[in-house]
C-alpha atoms as a PDB file:
ATOM      1  CA  MET A   1     357.052 118.449 242.515  1.00  0.00           C
ATOM      2  CA  ILE A   2     357.968 115.716 240.696  1.00  0.00           C
ATOM      3  CA  GLU A   3     357.257 114.903 236.789  1.00  0.00           C
ATOM      4  CA  TYR A   4     357.611 111.530 234.606  1.00  0.00           C
ATOM      5  CA  VAL A   5     359.974 112.479 231.794  1.00  0.00           C
ATOM      6  CA  LEU A   6     359.513 110.421 228.697  1.00  0.00           C
ATOM      7  CA  ASN A   7     362.074 110.075 225.622  1.00  0.00           C
ATOM      8  CA  PHE A   8     360.800 110.648 222.685  1.00  0.00           C
ATOM      9  CA  ASP A   9     361.192 106.801 221.370  1.00  0.00           C
ATOM     10  CA  ASP A  10     359.203 106.015 224.732  1.00  0.00           C
ATOM     11  CA  ILE A  11     355.685 107.242 222.975  1.00  0.00           C
ATOM     12  CA  GLN A  12     353.603 105.173 222.105  1.00  0.00           C
ATOM     13  CA  GLU A  13     350.329 105.479 220.178  1.00  0.00           C
ATOM     14  CA  HIS A  14     348.175 102.848 222.196  1.00  0.00           C
ATOM     15  CA  ASN A  15     349.159 104.958 225.518  1.00  0.00           C
ATOM     16  CA  ILE A  16     348.140 108.033 224.197  1.00  0.00           C
ATOM     17  CA  VAL A  17     344.442 108.996 225.585  1.00  0.00           C
ATOM     18  CA  PHE A  18     342.527 112.092 224.342  1.00  0.00           C
ATOM     19  CA  LYS A  19     339.592 113.399 226.508  1.00  0.00           C
ATOM     20  CA  HIS A  20     336.124 114.970 224.959  1.00  0.00           C
ATOM     21  CA  PRO A  21     336.553 118.112 223.362  1.00  0.00           C
ATOM     22  CA  ILE A  22     336.135 121.403 225.446  1.00  0.00           C
ATOM     23  CA  LYS A  23     335.383 124.604 223.979  1.00  0.00           C
ATOM     24  CA  ASN A  24     338.895 126.058 223.043  1.00  0.00           C
ATOM     25  CA  GLN A  25     339.793 129.728 224.866  1.00  0.00           C
ATOM     26  CA  ASN A  26     341.640 131.047 221.853  1.00  0.00           C
ATOM     27  CA  GLN A  27     339.103 132.120 219.334  1.00  0.00           C
ATOM     28  CA  ASN A  28     341.081 131.142 216.456  1.00  0.00           C
ATOM     29  CA  TYR A  29     340.201 127.456 217.536  1.00  0.00           C
ATOM     30  CA  ILE A  30     336.873 125.667 217.751  1.00  0.00           C
ATOM     31  CA  ASN A  31     337.960 122.600 220.286  1.00  0.00           C
ATOM     32  CA  TYR A  32     340.618 121.534 222.621  1.00  0.00           C
ATOM     33  CA  TYR A  33     341.195 118.127 223.120  1.00  0.00           C
ATOM     34  CA  LYS A  34     343.122 117.563 226.869  1.00  0.00           C
ATOM     35  CA  LEU A  35     346.057 114.784 226.001  1.00  0.00           C
ATOM     36  CA  LEU A  36     346.817 111.936 228.814  1.00  0.00           C
ATOM     37  CA  TYR A  37     349.172 109.282 228.979  1.00  0.00           C
ATOM     38  CA  SER A  38     348.657 106.006 230.516  1.00  0.00           C
ATOM     39  CA  ASN A  39     350.676 103.040 230.855  1.00  0.00           C
ATOM     40  CA  GLU A  40     351.665 100.544 233.105  1.00  0.00           C
ATOM     41  CA  ILE A  41     353.878 102.531 235.233  1.00  0.00           C
ATOM     42  CA  ILE A  42     351.516 105.847 235.400  1.00  0.00           C
ATOM     43  CA  ASN A  43     348.978 108.195 234.144  1.00  0.00           C
ATOM     44  CA  LEU A  44     350.032 111.578 233.062  1.00  0.00           C
ATOM     45  CA  LYS A  45     348.357 114.943 232.366  1.00  0.00           C
ATOM     46  CA  TYR A  46     350.405 115.328 229.099  1.00  0.00           C
ATOM     47  CA  ILE A  47     353.864 114.707 227.922  1.00  0.00           C
ATOM     48  CA  LEU A  48     356.777 115.620 229.048  1.00  0.00           C
ATOM     49  CA  ILE A  49     359.939 114.759 226.850  1.00  0.00           C
ATOM     50  CA  ASP A  50     363.340 115.518 227.278  1.00  0.00           C
ATOM     51  CA  LEU A  51     364.920 117.304 224.425  1.00  0.00           C
ATOM     52  CA  LYS A  52     368.214 115.994 225.110  1.00  0.00           C
ATOM     53  CA  LEU A  53     370.019 119.024 223.486  1.00  0.00           C
ATOM     54  CA  THR A  54     373.678 118.632 221.869  1.00  0.00           C
ATOM     55  CA  ASP A  55     373.890 120.995 219.359  1.00  0.00           C
ATOM     56  CA  TYR A  56     373.074 124.394 220.730  1.00  0.00           C
ATOM     57  CA  ASP A  57     374.910 127.797 222.032  1.00  0.00           C
ATOM     58  CA  LEU A  58     374.449 129.968 224.950  1.00  0.00           C
ATOM     59  CA  GLN A  59     374.558 133.498 224.357  1.00  0.00           C
ATOM     60  CA  ILE A  60     374.622 136.304 226.990  1.00  0.00           C
ATOM     61  CA  GLU A  61     372.303 139.180 226.336  1.00  0.00           C
ATOM     62  CA  ASN A  62     371.177 142.030 229.305  1.00  0.00           C
ATOM     63  CA  ASN A  63     371.981 139.347 231.930  1.00  0.00           C
ATOM     64  CA  ASN A  64     370.124 136.436 230.363  1.00  0.00           C
ATOM     65  CA  TYR A  65     371.106 133.175 228.931  1.00  0.00           C
ATOM     66  CA  ASN A  66     369.462 132.672 225.557  1.00  0.00           C
ATOM     67  CA  LEU A  67     369.754 129.152 224.425  1.00  0.00           C
ATOM     68  CA  CYS A  68     370.196 128.816 220.214  1.00  0.00           C
ATOM     69  CA  ILE A  69     369.759 125.492 219.122  1.00  0.00           C
ATOM     70  CA  HIS A  70     371.379 124.852 215.203  1.00  0.00           C
ATOM     71  CA  ASN A  71     369.190 124.427 212.374  1.00  0.00           C
ATOM     72  CA  ASN A  72     370.823 120.884 211.804  1.00  0.00           C
ATOM     73  CA  ASN A  73     370.192 119.811 214.942  1.00  0.00           C
ATOM     74  CA  LYS A  74     368.828 116.047 215.056  1.00  0.00           C
ATOM     75  CA  ILE A  75     366.001 117.131 217.475  1.00  0.00           C
ATOM     76  CA  TYR A  76     364.081 118.737 214.885  1.00  0.00           C
ATOM     77  CA  ASP A  77     363.281 115.133 213.310  1.00  0.00           C
ATOM     78  CA  LYS A  78     362.289 113.689 216.777  1.00  0.00           C
ATOM     79  CA  ILE A  79     359.838 116.626 217.301  1.00  0.00           C
ATOM     80  CA  HIS A  80     358.602 116.112 213.826  1.00  0.00           C
ATOM     81  CA  ASN A  81     358.008 112.749 214.701  1.00  0.00           C
ATOM     82  CA  ALA A  82     356.371 112.737 217.877  1.00  0.00           C
ATOM     83  CA  GLU A  83     353.976 115.635 216.493  1.00  0.00           C
ATOM     84  CA  LEU A  84     352.702 113.203 213.520  1.00  0.00           C
ATOM     85  CA  LEU A  85     352.261 109.756 216.092  1.00  0.00           C
ATOM     86  CA  ILE A  86     349.941 112.237 218.284  1.00  0.00           C
ATOM     87  CA  LEU A  87     348.069 114.206 215.831  1.00  0.00           C
ATOM     88  CA  ASN A  88     347.322 110.557 213.494  1.00  0.00           C
ATOM     89  CA  THR A  89     346.444 108.864 217.029  1.00  0.00           C
ATOM     90  CA  LEU A  90     343.318 111.506 217.389  1.00  0.00           C
ATOM     91  CA  ASN A  91     342.508 112.170 213.595  1.00  0.00           C
ATOM     92  CA  LYS A  92     341.404 108.798 213.402  1.00  0.00           C
ATOM     93  CA  ASN A  93     338.431 109.753 215.039  1.00  0.00           C
ATOM     94  CA  ILE A  94     338.058 113.278 213.506  1.00  0.00           C
ATOM     95  CA  ASN A  95     339.467 113.072 210.020  1.00  0.00           C
ATOM     96  CA  LYS A  96     340.972 116.677 209.683  1.00  0.00           C
ATOM     97  CA  LYS A  97     343.779 117.931 208.011  1.00  0.00           C
ATOM     98  CA  ILE A  98     346.993 117.445 210.103  1.00  0.00           C
ATOM     99  CA  CYS A  99     349.046 120.612 210.406  1.00  0.00           C
ATOM    100  CA  LEU A 100     352.603 119.788 211.568  1.00  0.00           C
ATOM    101  CA  THR A 101     353.404 123.507 213.111  1.00  0.00           C
ATOM    102  CA  THR A 102     355.774 122.615 215.909  1.00  0.00           C
ATOM    103  CA  LYS A 103     359.278 121.877 214.737  1.00  0.00           C
ATOM    104  CA  ASN A 104     358.753 124.633 211.973  1.00  0.00           C
ATOM    105  CA  ASP A 105     357.622 126.976 215.144  1.00  0.00           C
ATOM    106  CA  ILE A 106     360.650 125.944 216.873  1.00  0.00           C
ATOM    107  CA  MET A 107     363.045 125.930 213.933  1.00  0.00           C
ATOM    108  CA  SER A 108     361.800 129.627 213.465  1.00  0.00           C
ATOM    109  CA  ARG A 109     362.975 130.620 217.046  1.00  0.00           C
ATOM    110  CA  ASN A 110     366.238 132.494 217.151  1.00  0.00           C
ATOM    111  CA  VAL A 111     366.193 132.086 220.540  1.00  0.00           C
ATOM    112  CA  LEU A 112     364.766 128.761 221.940  1.00  0.00           C
ATOM    113  CA  TYR A 113     364.595 129.849 225.584  1.00  0.00           C
ATOM    114  CA  LYS A 114     365.857 132.378 227.911  1.00  0.00           C
ATOM    115  CA  PHE A 115     366.991 131.640 231.185  1.00  0.00           C
ATOM    116  CA  SER A 116     367.786 134.371 234.101  1.00  0.00           C
ATOM    117  CA  LYS A 117     370.710 132.267 235.102  1.00  0.00           C
ATOM    118  CA  PHE A 118     373.114 130.038 233.979  1.00  0.00           C
ATOM    119  CA  PRO A 119     371.002 126.720 233.208  1.00  0.00           C
ATOM    120  CA  ASN A 120     370.986 123.028 233.457  1.00  0.00           C
ATOM    121  CA  ILE A 121     370.235 122.362 229.726  1.00  0.00           C
ATOM    122  CA  LYS A 122     369.325 119.120 230.972  1.00  0.00           C
ATOM    123  CA  GLN A 123     366.293 119.884 232.652  1.00  0.00           C
ATOM    124  CA  LEU A 124     364.690 121.814 229.231  1.00  0.00           C
ATOM    125  CA  TYR A 125     361.468 119.597 227.685  1.00  0.00           C
ATOM    126  CA  LEU A 126     358.967 119.263 225.224  1.00  0.00           C
ATOM    127  CA  LYS A 127     355.636 119.819 226.882  1.00  0.00           C
ATOM    128  CA  ILE A 128     352.401 118.382 224.919  1.00  0.00           C
ATOM    129  CA  SER A 129     349.269 119.301 226.753  1.00  0.00           C
ATOM    130  CA  GLY A 130     346.791 118.920 223.977  1.00  0.00           C
ATOM    131  CA  VAL A 131     345.585 119.056 220.514  1.00  0.00           C
ATOM    132  CA  TRP A 132     343.633 122.371 219.259  1.00  0.00           C
ATOM    133  CA  GLU A 133     341.013 121.824 216.412  1.00  0.00           C
ATOM    134  CA  ASP A 134     339.475 124.365 213.742  1.00  0.00           C
ATOM    135  CA  SER A 135     336.976 123.675 211.001  1.00  0.00           C
ATOM    136  CA  THR A 136     339.507 122.010 208.874  1.00  0.00           C
ATOM    137  CA  LYS A 137     342.573 121.257 210.572  1.00  0.00           C
ATOM    138  CA  ILE A 138     344.388 120.123 214.108  1.00  0.00           C
ATOM    139  CA  GLY A 139     347.606 120.926 215.747  1.00  0.00           C
ATOM    140  CA  LEU A 140     349.847 120.451 218.899  1.00  0.00           C
ATOM    141  CA  VAL A 141     349.060 122.709 222.051  1.00  0.00           C
ATOM    142  CA  TYR A 142     352.749 122.780 223.652  1.00  0.00           C
ATOM    143  CA  LYS A 143     355.568 124.528 225.434  1.00  0.00           C
ATOM    144  CA  ILE A 144     358.971 124.813 226.066  1.00  0.00           C
ATOM    145  CA  TYR A 145     359.479 123.516 229.708  1.00  0.00           C
ATOM    146  CA  TYR A 146     362.086 124.189 232.176  1.00  0.00           C
ATOM    147  CA  ASN A 147     361.766 122.882 235.700  1.00  0.00           C
ATOM    148  CA  MET A 148     364.760 122.510 238.241  1.00  0.00           C
ATOM    149  CA  SER A 149     362.805 119.963 240.298  1.00  0.00           C
ATOM    150  CA  THR A 150     362.154 117.378 237.602  1.00  0.00           C
ATOM    151  CA  GLU A 151     363.227 113.794 237.841  1.00  0.00           C
ATOM    152  CA  LYS A 152     363.069 110.524 235.899  1.00  0.00           C
ATOM    153  CA  LEU A 153     360.960 108.395 237.970  1.00  0.00           C
ATOM    154  CA  SER A 154     361.839 105.439 235.449  1.00  0.00           C
ATOM    155  CA  ASN A 155     365.325 105.773 237.561  1.00  0.00           C
ATOM    156  CA  ILE A 156     364.058 105.197 241.005  1.00  0.00           C
ATOM    157  CA  ASN A 157     364.120 101.900 242.179  1.00  0.00           C
ATOM    158  CA  CYS A 158     361.185 100.706 244.754  1.00  0.00           C
END
């Protein structure tokens, strides 16, 4: 499977689309808004962002490679800005308190990702699939994603 990978600076508000909300499977929330990203090149079912990690450590523990990123890493500000952009885009229509938890959640982890074999850190991404909503707040639905087959389609000449 080939997927389209964006850089943080590529994300544009006018390309973000939300589907009508559906009842959230998580009982803590009311609704889930599926996020789509569409531009003149491609239509995406989620946003896959290249983390481009530079300031990290790989620690071996129990035959696993644990990826730990340093708290002063510039990636945290980029995550925060993308989260704010996406949530503000939806919030123009629903007017709820924005819950910026992605950056803090990722910063609070001792290990960002565990690998069973030596990883290619260039294939680690932030995957944003939607937005959760409760009675007063909204926040991102995301995961850290590692995919050995991901290619940057923007590098392919047709």
